[in-house]
Amino acid sequence: MLEDKIITAEVIRFDAVENIFVADKKFIVVEKFFELRLNGEPFRKIFCSPENLEDLTIGILAQAEKFLPPKT
């Protein structure tokens, strides 16, 4: 659900064009901490949205040349 992934926060910001402070809303994406382990050993610590973690892990391992995806 989208509501679980985005938080709305009320903020006050400065509008430089109008030279005033105005009420506004900001949207914050929820992220979680993950530690990737390779052969039981810590490999990377990352903060990310908790979706598509398998794809993210494959990408990180491929970038570090620890895993080579099959050629298509």
Protein backbone atom coordinates (compact mmCIF):
# COMPACT_ATOMS: atom_id res chain seq x y z
CA MET A 1 0.00 0.00 0.00
CA LEU A 2 1.23 3.45 -0.86
CA GLU A 3 0.16 4.84 2.53
CA ASP A 4 2.72 2.58 4.25
CA LYS A 5 5.56 3.93 2.11
CA ILE A 6 5.04 7.69 2.12
CA ILE A 7 4.61 10.02 5.09
CA THR A 8 3.19 13.50 4.73
CA ALA A 9 4.81 16.15 6.95
CA GLU A 10 3.57 19.68 7.62
CA VAL A 11 6.42 22.17 7.23
CA ILE A 12 7.05 25.91 7.12
CA ARG A 13 9.21 27.04 4.22
CA PHE A 14 10.50 30.40 3.04
CA ASP A 15 9.25 31.62 -0.33
CA ALA A 16 12.13 33.76 -1.64
CA VAL A 17 10.05 35.18 -4.50
CA GLU A 18 7.30 36.47 -2.19
CA ASN A 19 9.73 37.03 0.72
CA ILE A 20 7.41 35.27 3.21
CA PHE A 21 7.14 32.06 5.21
CA VAL A 22 4.37 29.72 4.05
CA ALA A 23 2.83 26.50 5.32
CA ASP A 24 3.50 23.56 3.05
CA LYS A 25 3.51 19.76 2.93
CA LYS A 26 6.47 17.52 2.18
CA PHE A 27 6.32 13.86 1.29
CA ILE A 28 8.86 11.54 2.87
CA VAL A 29 9.52 8.01 1.61
CA VAL A 30 9.82 5.37 4.31
CA GLU A 31 13.19 3.60 4.22
CA LYS A 32 14.53 0.73 6.27
CA PHE A 33 18.03 -0.43 7.18
CA PHE A 34 19.30 -3.67 5.68
CA GLU A 35 22.57 -5.49 5.96
CA LEU A 36 23.56 -7.69 3.03
CA ARG A 37 25.58 -10.71 4.02
CA LEU A 38 27.73 -12.67 1.59
CA ASN A 39 28.72 -16.19 2.64
CA GLY A 40 27.59 -15.35 6.17
CA GLU A 41 29.80 -12.26 6.43
CA PRO A 42 28.64 -8.62 6.43
CA PHE A 43 28.99 -7.19 2.90
CA ARG A 44 26.98 -3.94 2.61
CA LYS A 45 24.79 -1.85 4.86
CA ILE A 46 22.09 0.10 3.06
CA PHE A 47 18.97 2.17 3.64
CA CYS A 48 16.28 1.66 1.03
CA SER A 49 12.56 1.31 0.51
CA PRO A 50 11.63 -2.23 1.49
CA GLU A 51 10.54 -3.33 -1.99
CA ASN A 52 12.16 -5.37 -4.74
CA LEU A 53 14.96 -6.38 -2.39
CA GLU A 54 15.94 -9.38 -4.51
CA ASP A 55 16.48 -7.15 -7.56
CA LEU A 56 18.38 -4.62 -5.47
CA THR A 57 20.60 -7.35 -4.00
CA ILE A 58 21.38 -8.79 -7.43
CA GLY A 59 22.27 -5.32 -8.71
CA ILE A 60 24.56 -4.58 -5.77
CA LEU A 61 26.32 -7.95 -6.10
CA ALA A 62 26.69 -7.54 -9.88
CA GLN A 63 28.11 -4.02 -9.45
CA ALA A 64 30.68 -5.36 -6.98
CA GLU A 65 31.47 -8.20 -9.43
CA LYS A 66 30.42 -10.79 -6.83
CA PHE A 67 27.63 -12.07 -9.03
CA LEU A 68 27.36 -12.05 -12.79
CA PRO A 69 23.81 -12.18 -14.14
CA PRO A 70 23.20 -14.56 -17.05
CA LYS A 71 23.79 -13.13 -20.50
CA THR A 72 20.67 -12.69 -22.59
